[in-house]
PDB file of all heavy atoms in Angstrom:
ATOM      1  N   VAL A   1      47.315 -21.040  11.406  1.00  0.00           N
ATOM      2  CA  VAL A   1      47.128 -22.077  12.343  1.00  0.00           C
ATOM      3  C   VAL A   1      48.254 -22.062  13.385  1.00  0.00           C
ATOM      4  O   VAL A   1      49.457 -22.066  13.006  1.00  0.00           O
ATOM      5  CB  VAL A   1      46.935 -23.415  11.668  1.00  0.00           C
ATOM      6  CG1 VAL A   1      46.827 -24.553  12.688  1.00  0.00           C
ATOM      7  CG2 VAL A   1      45.987 -23.445  10.648  1.00  0.00           C
ATOM      8  N   ARG A   2      47.879 -22.112  14.680  1.00  0.00           N
ATOM      9  CA  ARG A   2      48.914 -22.185  15.785  1.00  0.00           C
ATOM     10  C   ARG A   2      48.584 -23.442  16.600  1.00  0.00           C
ATOM     11  O   ARG A   2      47.415 -23.712  16.844  1.00  0.00           O
ATOM     12  CB  ARG A   2      48.962 -20.979  16.662  1.00  0.00           C
ATOM     13  CG  ARG A   2      49.462 -19.769  16.022  1.00  0.00           C
ATOM     14  CD  ARG A   2      49.576 -18.563  16.918  1.00  0.00           C
ATOM     15  NE  ARG A   2      48.459 -18.532  17.855  1.00  0.00           N
ATOM     16  CZ  ARG A   2      48.623 -18.321  19.196  1.00  0.00           C
ATOM     17  NH1 ARG A   2      49.826 -18.152  19.660  1.00  0.00           N
ATOM     18  NH2 ARG A   2      47.594 -18.258  19.976  1.00  0.00           N
ATOM     19  N   VAL A   3      49.724 -24.115  17.050  1.00  0.00           N
ATOM     20  CA  VAL A   3      49.439 -25.171  18.030  1.00  0.00           C
ATOM     21  C   VAL A   3      50.179 -24.798  19.307  1.00  0.00           C
ATOM     22  O   VAL A   3      51.345 -24.365  19.304  1.00  0.00           O
ATOM     23  CB  VAL A   3      50.058 -26.481  17.487  1.00  0.00           C
ATOM     24  CG1 VAL A   3      49.787 -27.627  18.558  1.00  0.00           C
ATOM     25  CG2 VAL A   3      49.321 -26.921  16.205  1.00  0.00           C
ATOM     26  N   VAL A   4      49.523 -24.811  20.503  1.00  0.00           N
ATOM     27  CA  VAL A   4      49.994 -24.411  21.707  1.00  0.00           C
ATOM     28  C   VAL A   4      49.847 -25.532  22.816  1.00  0.00           C
ATOM     29  O   VAL A   4      48.805 -26.142  22.876  1.00  0.00           O
ATOM     30  CB  VAL A   4      49.288 -23.151  22.250  1.00  0.00           C
ATOM     31  CG1 VAL A   4      49.737 -22.651  23.543  1.00  0.00           C
ATOM     32  CG2 VAL A   4      49.361 -22.026  21.216  1.00  0.00           C
ATOM     33  N   HIS A   5      50.892 -25.720  23.574  1.00  0.00           N
ATOM     34  CA  HIS A   5      50.851 -26.628  24.706  1.00  0.00           C
ATOM     35  C   HIS A   5      50.777 -25.743  25.896  1.00  0.00           C
ATOM     36  O   HIS A   5      51.368 -24.717  26.097  1.00  0.00           O
ATOM     37  CB  HIS A   5      52.114 -27.334  24.878  1.00  0.00           C
ATOM     38  CG  HIS A   5      52.380 -28.434  23.936  1.00  0.00           C
ATOM     39  ND1 HIS A   5      53.415 -29.330  23.976  1.00  0.00           N
ATOM     40  CD2 HIS A   5      51.601 -28.864  22.813  1.00  0.00           C
ATOM     41  CE1 HIS A   5      53.324 -30.216  23.003  1.00  0.00           C
ATOM     42  NE2 HIS A   5      52.319 -29.972  22.291  1.00  0.00           N
ATOM     43  N   GLY A   6      49.880 -26.169  26.846  1.00  0.00           N
ATOM     44  CA  GLY A   6      49.874 -25.380  28.164  1.00  0.00           C
ATOM     45  C   GLY A   6      48.540 -25.514  28.746  1.00  0.00           C
ATOM     46  O   GLY A   6      47.530 -25.963  28.157  1.00  0.00           O
ATOM     47  N   PRO A   7      48.374 -25.059  29.979  1.00  0.00           N
ATOM     48  CA  PRO A   7      49.487 -24.539  30.801  1.00  0.00           C
ATOM     49  C   PRO A   7      50.349 -25.600  31.300  1.00  0.00           C
ATOM     50  O   PRO A   7      50.020 -26.745  31.530  1.00  0.00           O
ATOM     51  CB  PRO A   7      48.763 -23.818  31.910  1.00  0.00           C
ATOM     52  CG  PRO A   7      47.459 -24.567  32.034  1.00  0.00           C
ATOM     53  CD  PRO A   7      47.105 -25.053  30.679  1.00  0.00           C
ATOM     54  N   HIS A   8      51.693 -25.149  31.502  1.00  0.00           N
ATOM     55  CA  HIS A   8      52.624 -26.054  32.116  1.00  0.00           C
ATOM     56  C   HIS A   8      52.694 -25.691  33.600  1.00  0.00           C
ATOM     57  O   HIS A   8      52.234 -24.618  34.083  1.00  0.00           O
ATOM     58  CB  HIS A   8      54.045 -25.792  31.511  1.00  0.00           C
ATOM     59  CG  HIS A   8      54.147 -26.333  30.082  1.00  0.00           C
ATOM     60  ND1 HIS A   8      54.635 -27.599  29.847  1.00  0.00           N
ATOM     61  CD2 HIS A   8      53.930 -25.757  28.851  1.00  0.00           C
ATOM     62  CE1 HIS A   8      54.631 -27.826  28.529  1.00  0.00           C
ATOM     63  NE2 HIS A   8      54.119 -26.730  27.927  1.00  0.00           N
ATOM     64  N   GLU A   9      53.315 -26.480  34.389  1.00  0.00           N
ATOM     65  CA  GLU A   9      53.445 -26.247  35.834  1.00  0.00           C
ATOM     66  C   GLU A   9      54.438 -25.073  36.058  1.00  0.00           C
ATOM     67  O   GLU A   9      54.269 -24.365  37.098  1.00  0.00           O
ATOM     68  CB  GLU A   9      54.009 -27.530  36.569  1.00  0.00           C
ATOM     69  CG  GLU A   9      53.034 -28.661  36.500  1.00  0.00           C
ATOM     70  CD  GLU A   9      51.829 -28.386  37.266  1.00  0.00           C
ATOM     71  OE1 GLU A   9      51.782 -27.764  38.259  1.00  0.00           O
ATOM     72  OE2 GLU A   9      50.754 -29.006  36.863  1.00  0.00           O
ATOM     73  N   GLU A  10      55.448 -24.899  35.254  1.00  0.00           N
ATOM     74  CA  GLU A  10      56.415 -23.843  35.400  1.00  0.00           C
ATOM     75  C   GLU A  10      56.459 -22.901  34.195  1.00  0.00           C
ATOM     76  O   GLU A  10      56.209 -23.309  33.088  1.00  0.00           O
ATOM     77  CB  GLU A  10      57.812 -24.438  35.647  1.00  0.00           C
ATOM     78  CG  GLU A  10      57.875 -25.292  36.867  1.00  0.00           C
ATOM     79  CD  GLU A  10      59.237 -25.979  37.062  1.00  0.00           C
ATOM     80  OE1 GLU A  10      60.167 -25.626  36.222  1.00  0.00           O
ATOM     81  OE2 GLU A  10      59.364 -26.723  38.041  1.00  0.00           O
ATOM     82  N   ARG A  11      56.852 -21.702  34.463  1.00  0.00           N
ATOM     83  CA  ARG A  11      56.949 -20.668  33.342  1.00  0.00           C
ATOM     84  C   ARG A  11      58.224 -20.936  32.565  1.00  0.00           C
ATOM     85  O   ARG A  11      59.239 -21.428  33.127  1.00  0.00           O
ATOM     86  CB  ARG A  11      57.053 -19.277  33.970  1.00  0.00           C
ATOM     87  CG  ARG A  11      55.813 -18.818  34.604  1.00  0.00           C
ATOM     88  CD  ARG A  11      56.026 -17.436  35.324  1.00  0.00           C
ATOM     89  NE  ARG A  11      54.899 -17.069  36.140  1.00  0.00           N
ATOM     90  CZ  ARG A  11      54.169 -16.047  35.916  1.00  0.00           C
ATOM     91  NH1 ARG A  11      54.356 -15.229  34.968  1.00  0.00           N
ATOM     92  NH2 ARG A  11      53.172 -15.803  36.704  1.00  0.00           N
ATOM     93  N   ASP A  12      58.190 -20.567  31.326  1.00  0.00           N
ATOM     94  CA  ASP A  12      59.372 -20.677  30.534  1.00  0.00           C
ATOM     95  C   ASP A  12      60.192 -19.391  30.663  1.00  0.00           C
ATOM     96  O   ASP A  12      59.921 -18.608  31.486  1.00  0.00           O
ATOM     97  CB  ASP A  12      58.999 -20.924  28.995  1.00  0.00           C
ATOM     98  CG  ASP A  12      58.297 -19.785  28.404  1.00  0.00           C
ATOM     99  OD1 ASP A  12      58.124 -18.679  28.910  1.00  0.00           O
ATOM    100  OD2 ASP A  12      57.790 -20.013  27.261  1.00  0.00           O
ATOM    101  N   GLU A  13      61.304 -19.290  29.849  1.00  0.00           N
ATOM    102  CA  GLU A  13      62.209 -18.155  29.982  1.00  0.00           C
ATOM    103  C   GLU A  13      61.477 -16.820  29.749  1.00  0.00           C
ATOM    104  O   GLU A  13      61.958 -15.717  30.191  1.00  0.00           O
ATOM    105  CB  GLU A  13      63.434 -18.358  29.165  1.00  0.00           C
ATOM    106  CG  GLU A  13      63.151 -18.460  27.628  1.00  0.00           C
ATOM    107  CD  GLU A  13      62.804 -19.897  27.216  1.00  0.00           C
ATOM    108  OE1 GLU A  13      62.929 -20.879  28.042  1.00  0.00           O
ATOM    109  OE2 GLU A  13      62.354 -20.040  26.003  1.00  0.00           O
ATOM    110  N   SER A  14      60.471 -16.827  28.945  1.00  0.00           N
ATOM    111  CA  SER A  14      59.713 -15.560  28.723  1.00  0.00           C
ATOM    112  C   SER A  14      58.699 -15.264  29.799  1.00  0.00           C
ATOM    113  O   SER A  14      58.008 -14.234  29.714  1.00  0.00           O
ATOM    114  CB  SER A  14      59.057 -15.590  27.335  1.00  0.00           C
ATOM    115  OG  SER A  14      57.980 -16.533  27.353  1.00  0.00           O
ATOM    116  N   GLY A  15      58.430 -16.202  30.710  1.00  0.00           N
ATOM    117  CA  GLY A  15      57.536 -15.915  31.808  1.00  0.00           C
ATOM    118  C   GLY A  15      56.120 -16.521  31.543  1.00  0.00           C
ATOM    119  O   GLY A  15      55.204 -16.252  32.263  1.00  0.00           O
ATOM    120  N   SER A  16      55.970 -17.293  30.466  1.00  0.00           N
ATOM    121  CA  SER A  16      54.688 -17.807  30.049  1.00  0.00           C
ATOM    122  C   SER A  16      54.507 -19.251  30.484  1.00  0.00           C
ATOM    123  O   SER A  16      55.446 -20.071  30.540  1.00  0.00           O
ATOM    124  CB  SER A  16      54.439 -17.702  28.523  1.00  0.00           C
ATOM    125  OG  SER A  16      53.299 -18.326  28.140  1.00  0.00           O
ATOM    126  N   TYR A  17      53.309 -19.582  30.835  1.00  0.00           N
ATOM    127  CA  TYR A  17      52.963 -21.039  31.070  1.00  0.00           C
ATOM    128  C   TYR A  17      52.589 -21.824  29.839  1.00  0.00           C
ATOM    129  O   TYR A  17      52.304 -22.964  29.817  1.00  0.00           O
ATOM    130  CB  TYR A  17      51.757 -21.157  32.077  1.00  0.00           C
ATOM    131  CG  TYR A  17      52.082 -20.687  33.472  1.00  0.00           C
ATOM    132  CD1 TYR A  17      51.724 -19.499  33.895  1.00  0.00           C
ATOM    133  CD2 TYR A  17      52.805 -21.466  34.250  1.00  0.00           C
ATOM    134  CE1 TYR A  17      52.085 -18.976  35.205  1.00  0.00           C
ATOM    135  CE2 TYR A  17      53.165 -21.109  35.659  1.00  0.00           C
ATOM    136  CZ  TYR A  17      52.754 -19.872  36.043  1.00  0.00           C
ATOM    137  OH  TYR A  17      53.036 -19.520  37.304  1.00  0.00           O
ATOM    138  N   TYR A  18      52.521 -21.101  28.687  1.00  0.00           N
ATOM    139  CA  TYR A  18      52.076 -21.627  27.370  1.00  0.00           C
ATOM    140  C   TYR A  18      53.274 -21.640  26.425  1.00  0.00           C
ATOM    141  O   TYR A  18      54.070 -20.726  26.463  1.00  0.00           O
ATOM    142  CB  TYR A  18      50.890 -20.966  26.809  1.00  0.00           C
ATOM    143  CG  TYR A  18      49.733 -21.020  27.681  1.00  0.00           C
ATOM    144  CD1 TYR A  18      49.469 -20.092  28.759  1.00  0.00           C
ATOM    145  CD2 TYR A  18      48.715 -22.009  27.430  1.00  0.00           C
ATOM    146  CE1 TYR A  18      48.381 -20.279  29.570  1.00  0.00           C
ATOM    147  CE2 TYR A  18      47.599 -22.092  28.267  1.00  0.00           C
ATOM    148  CZ  TYR A  18      47.449 -21.181  29.348  1.00  0.00           C
ATOM    149  OH  TYR A  18      46.298 -21.403  30.082  1.00  0.00           O
ATOM    150  N   ARG A  19      53.330 -22.601  25.587  1.00  0.00           N
ATOM    151  CA  ARG A  19      54.388 -22.677  24.593  1.00  0.00           C
ATOM    152  C   ARG A  19      53.781 -22.992  23.166  1.00  0.00           C
ATOM    153  O   ARG A  19      53.150 -23.941  22.973  1.00  0.00           O
ATOM    154  CB  ARG A  19      55.382 -23.777  24.940  1.00  0.00           C
ATOM    155  CG  ARG A  19      56.108 -23.463  26.149  1.00  0.00           C
ATOM    156  CD  ARG A  19      57.065 -24.627  26.641  1.00  0.00           C
ATOM    157  NE  ARG A  19      57.678 -24.312  27.888  1.00  0.00           N
ATOM    158  CZ  ARG A  19      57.180 -24.532  29.031  1.00  0.00           C
ATOM    159  NH1 ARG A  19      56.019 -25.155  29.123  1.00  0.00           N
ATOM    160  NH2 ARG A  19      57.813 -24.279  30.173  1.00  0.00           N
ATOM    161  N   THR A  20      54.105 -22.076  22.237  1.00  0.00           N
ATOM    162  CA  THR A  20      53.743 -22.352  20.817  1.00  0.00           C
ATOM    163  C   THR A  20      54.625 -23.412  20.215  1.00  0.00           C
ATOM    164  O   THR A  20      55.869 -23.068  20.284  1.00  0.00           O
ATOM    165  CB  THR A  20      53.761 -21.040  20.014  1.00  0.00           C
ATOM    166  OG1 THR A  20      52.796 -20.068  20.588  1.00  0.00           O
ATOM    167  CG2 THR A  20      53.364 -21.338  18.619  1.00  0.00           C
ATOM    168  N   VAL A  21      54.165 -24.508  19.799  1.00  0.00           N
ATOM    169  CA  VAL A  21      55.029 -25.513  19.271  1.00  0.00           C
ATOM    170  C   VAL A  21      54.879 -25.652  17.734  1.00  0.00           C
ATOM    171  O   VAL A  21      55.619 -26.462  17.193  1.00  0.00           O
ATOM    172  CB  VAL A  21      54.593 -26.884  20.006  1.00  0.00           C
ATOM    173  CG1 VAL A  21      54.876 -26.899  21.381  1.00  0.00           C
ATOM    174  CG2 VAL A  21      53.158 -27.263  19.742  1.00  0.00           C
ATOM    175  N   GLY A  22      54.059 -24.903  17.136  1.00  0.00           N
ATOM    176  CA  GLY A  22      53.971 -24.950  15.704  1.00  0.00           C
ATOM    177  C   GLY A  22      53.034 -23.843  15.130  1.00  0.00           C
ATOM    178  O   GLY A  22      52.118 -23.436  15.864  1.00  0.00           O
ATOM    179  N   SER A  23      53.235 -23.387  13.992  1.00  0.00           N
ATOM    180  CA  SER A  23      52.367 -22.438  13.237  1.00  0.00           C
ATOM    181  C   SER A  23      52.578 -22.661  11.793  1.00  0.00           C
ATOM    182  O   SER A  23      53.575 -23.025  11.287  1.00  0.00           O
ATOM    183  CB  SER A  23      52.622 -20.968  13.689  1.00  0.00           C
ATOM    184  OG  SER A  23      53.971 -20.625  13.370  1.00  0.00           O
ATOM    185  N   GLU A  24      51.510 -22.289  11.028  1.00  0.00           N
ATOM    186  CA  GLU A  24      51.556 -22.456   9.556  1.00  0.00           C
ATOM    187  C   GLU A  24      50.463 -21.599   8.974  1.00  0.00           C
ATOM    188  O   GLU A  24      49.485 -21.312   9.617  1.00  0.00           O
ATOM    189  CB  GLU A  24      51.365 -23.966   9.133  1.00  0.00           C
ATOM    190  CG  GLU A  24      50.042 -24.470   9.498  1.00  0.00           C
ATOM    191  CD  GLU A  24      49.783 -25.922   9.010  1.00  0.00           C
ATOM    192  OE1 GLU A  24      50.150 -26.195   7.915  1.00  0.00           O
ATOM    193  OE2 GLU A  24      49.127 -26.659   9.708  1.00  0.00           O
ATOM    194  N   MET A  25      50.669 -21.296   7.690  1.00  0.00           N
ATOM    195  CA  MET A  25      49.605 -20.625   6.942  1.00  0.00           C
ATOM    196  C   MET A  25      49.053 -21.674   6.045  1.00  0.00           C
ATOM    197  O   MET A  25      49.665 -22.532   5.424  1.00  0.00           O
ATOM    198  CB  MET A  25      50.230 -19.555   6.032  1.00  0.00           C
ATOM    199  CG  MET A  25      50.641 -18.312   6.805  1.00  0.00           C
ATOM    200  SD  MET A  25      49.203 -17.375   7.414  1.00  0.00           S
ATOM    201  CE  MET A  25      48.336 -16.948   5.924  1.00  0.00           C
ATOM    202  N   VAL A  26      47.705 -21.628   5.937  1.00  0.00           N
ATOM    203  CA  VAL A  26      46.972 -22.518   5.054  1.00  0.00           C
ATOM    204  C   VAL A  26      46.205 -21.689   4.096  1.00  0.00           C
ATOM    205  O   VAL A  26      45.505 -20.793   4.452  1.00  0.00           O
ATOM    206  CB  VAL A  26      46.019 -23.402   5.836  1.00  0.00           C
ATOM    207  CG1 VAL A  26      45.177 -24.265   4.862  1.00  0.00           C
ATOM    208  CG2 VAL A  26      46.687 -24.292   6.870  1.00  0.00           C
ATOM    209  N   HIS A  27      46.434 -21.918   2.778  1.00  0.00           N
ATOM    210  CA  HIS A  27      45.891 -21.085   1.688  1.00  0.00           C
ATOM    211  C   HIS A  27      44.745 -21.911   1.001  1.00  0.00           C
ATOM    212  O   HIS A  27      44.764 -23.110   0.925  1.00  0.00           O
ATOM    213  CB  HIS A  27      46.910 -20.728   0.667  1.00  0.00           C
ATOM    214  CG  HIS A  27      48.090 -19.947   1.293  1.00  0.00           C
ATOM    215  ND1 HIS A  27      47.962 -18.657   1.679  1.00  0.00           N
ATOM    216  CD2 HIS A  27      49.338 -20.335   1.588  1.00  0.00           C
ATOM    217  CE1 HIS A  27      49.118 -18.197   2.161  1.00  0.00           C
ATOM    218  NE2 HIS A  27      49.987 -19.185   2.196  1.00  0.00           N
ATOM    219  N   ASP A  28      43.787 -21.105   0.568  1.00  0.00           N
ATOM    220  CA  ASP A  28      42.680 -21.632  -0.294  1.00  0.00           C
ATOM    221  C   ASP A  28      41.889 -22.719   0.489  1.00  0.00           C
ATOM    222  O   ASP A  28      41.713 -23.832  -0.063  1.00  0.00           O
ATOM    223  CB  ASP A  28      43.226 -22.159  -1.591  1.00  0.00           C
ATOM    224  CG  ASP A  28      42.076 -22.216  -2.608  1.00  0.00           C
ATOM    225  OD1 ASP A  28      41.074 -21.432  -2.529  1.00  0.00           O
ATOM    226  OD2 ASP A  28      42.125 -23.181  -3.428  1.00  0.00           O
ATOM    227  N   ALA A  29      41.449 -22.434   1.652  1.00  0.00           N
ATOM    228  CA  ALA A  29      40.752 -23.486   2.475  1.00  0.00           C
ATOM    229  C   ALA A  29      39.401 -22.929   2.924  1.00  0.00           C
ATOM    230  O   ALA A  29      39.280 -21.801   3.224  1.00  0.00           O
ATOM    231  CB  ALA A  29      41.504 -23.895   3.718  1.00  0.00           C
ATOM    232  N   THR A  30      38.393 -23.768   2.963  1.00  0.00           N
ATOM    233  CA  THR A  30      37.007 -23.405   3.427  1.00  0.00           C
ATOM    234  C   THR A  30      36.976 -23.558   4.946  1.00  0.00           C
ATOM    235  O   THR A  30      37.817 -24.316   5.456  1.00  0.00           O
ATOM    236  CB  THR A  30      36.002 -24.338   2.737  1.00  0.00           C
ATOM    237  OG1 THR A  30      36.204 -25.672   3.185  1.00  0.00           O
ATOM    238  CG2 THR A  30      36.063 -24.217   1.168  1.00  0.00           C
ATOM    239  N   PRO A  31      35.954 -22.913   5.546  1.00  0.00           N
ATOM    240  CA  PRO A  31      35.932 -23.237   7.015  1.00  0.00           C
ATOM    241  C   PRO A  31      35.706 -24.660   7.292  1.00  0.00           C
ATOM    242  O   PRO A  31      36.193 -25.220   8.319  1.00  0.00           O
ATOM    243  CB  PRO A  31      34.611 -22.384   7.369  1.00  0.00           C
ATOM    244  CG  PRO A  31      34.616 -21.268   6.365  1.00  0.00           C
ATOM    245  CD  PRO A  31      35.089 -21.897   5.117  1.00  0.00           C
ATOM    246  N   ALA A  32      34.993 -25.516   6.486  1.00  0.00           N
ATOM    247  CA  ALA A  32      34.785 -26.820   6.779  1.00  0.00           C
ATOM    248  C   ALA A  32      36.174 -27.633   6.743  1.00  0.00           C
ATOM    249  O   ALA A  32      36.378 -28.532   7.571  1.00  0.00           O
ATOM    250  CB  ALA A  32      33.800 -27.476   5.734  1.00  0.00           C
ATOM    251  N   LYS A  33      36.967 -27.308   5.738  1.00  0.00           N
ATOM    252  CA  LYS A  33      38.322 -27.941   5.695  1.00  0.00           C
ATOM    253  C   LYS A  33      39.164 -27.550   6.903  1.00  0.00           C
ATOM    254  O   LYS A  33      39.935 -28.310   7.473  1.00  0.00           O
ATOM    255  CB  LYS A  33      39.060 -27.397   4.415  1.00  0.00           C
ATOM    256  CG  LYS A  33      38.569 -28.178   3.213  1.00  0.00           C
ATOM    257  CD  LYS A  33      39.347 -27.818   1.928  1.00  0.00           C
ATOM    258  CE  LYS A  33      38.838 -28.362   0.702  1.00  0.00           C
ATOM    259  NZ  LYS A  33      39.606 -28.008  -0.423  1.00  0.00           N
ATOM    260  N   MET A  34      39.027 -26.316   7.404  1.00  0.00           N
ATOM    261  CA  MET A  34      39.831 -25.899   8.573  1.00  0.00           C
ATOM    262  C   MET A  34      39.360 -26.632   9.870  1.00  0.00           C
ATOM    263  O   MET A  34      40.149 -26.906  10.754  1.00  0.00           O
ATOM    264  CB  MET A  34      39.730 -24.393   8.708  1.00  0.00           C
ATOM    265  CG  MET A  34      40.500 -23.643   7.642  1.00  0.00           C
ATOM    266  SD  MET A  34      42.057 -24.267   7.242  1.00  0.00           S
ATOM    267  CE  MET A  34      42.954 -24.144   8.753  1.00  0.00           C
ATOM    268  N   LYS A  35      38.047 -26.953   9.921  1.00  0.00           N
ATOM    269  CA  LYS A  35      37.613 -27.734  11.137  1.00  0.00           C
ATOM    270  C   LYS A  35      38.342 -29.023  11.209  1.00  0.00           C
ATOM    271  O   LYS A  35      38.909 -29.467  12.245  1.00  0.00           O
ATOM    272  CB  LYS A  35      36.084 -27.964  11.041  1.00  0.00           C
ATOM    273  CG  LYS A  35      35.569 -28.709  12.189  1.00  0.00           C
ATOM    274  CD  LYS A  35      34.156 -28.979  12.004  1.00  0.00           C
ATOM    275  CE  LYS A  35      33.552 -29.775  13.219  1.00  0.00           C
ATOM    276  NZ  LYS A  35      32.109 -29.981  13.106  1.00  0.00           N
ATOM    277  N   THR A  36      38.473 -29.720  10.072  1.00  0.00           N
ATOM    278  CA  THR A  36      39.158 -30.971   9.978  1.00  0.00           C
ATOM    279  C   THR A  36      40.743 -30.725  10.240  1.00  0.00           C
ATOM    280  O   THR A  36      41.336 -31.506  11.013  1.00  0.00           O
ATOM    281  CB  THR A  36      39.043 -31.661   8.619  1.00  0.00           C
ATOM    282  OG1 THR A  36      37.589 -31.879   8.463  1.00  0.00           O
ATOM    283  CG2 THR A  36      39.672 -32.987   8.507  1.00  0.00           C
ATOM    284  N   HIS A  37      41.228 -29.685   9.747  1.00  0.00           N
ATOM    285  CA  HIS A  37      42.648 -29.425   9.847  1.00  0.00           C
ATOM    286  C   HIS A  37      43.080 -29.108  11.281  1.00  0.00           C
ATOM    287  O   HIS A  37      44.075 -29.680  11.689  1.00  0.00           O
ATOM    288  CB  HIS A  37      42.969 -28.109   8.960  1.00  0.00           C
ATOM    289  CG  HIS A  37      44.405 -27.910   8.846  1.00  0.00           C
ATOM    290  ND1 HIS A  37      45.274 -28.425   7.906  1.00  0.00           N
ATOM    291  CD2 HIS A  37      45.196 -27.105   9.665  1.00  0.00           C
ATOM    292  CE1 HIS A  37      46.469 -28.123   8.080  1.00  0.00           C
ATOM    293  NE2 HIS A  37      46.631 -27.248   9.122  1.00  0.00           N
ATOM    294  N   VAL A  38      42.281 -28.416  12.058  1.00  0.00           N
ATOM    295  CA  VAL A  38      42.603 -28.161  13.505  1.00  0.00           C
ATOM    296  C   VAL A  38      42.581 -29.407  14.259  1.00  0.00           C
ATOM    297  O   VAL A  38      43.315 -29.615  15.182  1.00  0.00           O
ATOM    298  CB  VAL A  38      41.923 -26.960  14.147  1.00  0.00           C
ATOM    299  CG1 VAL A  38      42.219 -25.624  13.461  1.00  0.00           C
ATOM    300  CG2 VAL A  38      40.454 -27.179  14.191  1.00  0.00           C
TER     301      VAL A  38
END
């Protein structure tokens, strides 16, 4: 699972308008559970 903000008005130091603000692994989850999770 990744959470991204963007686009922003200005690029960041890497040149992207998007910023990943979080990521995680979720284990032992069904597609229905992931719908709720996202």
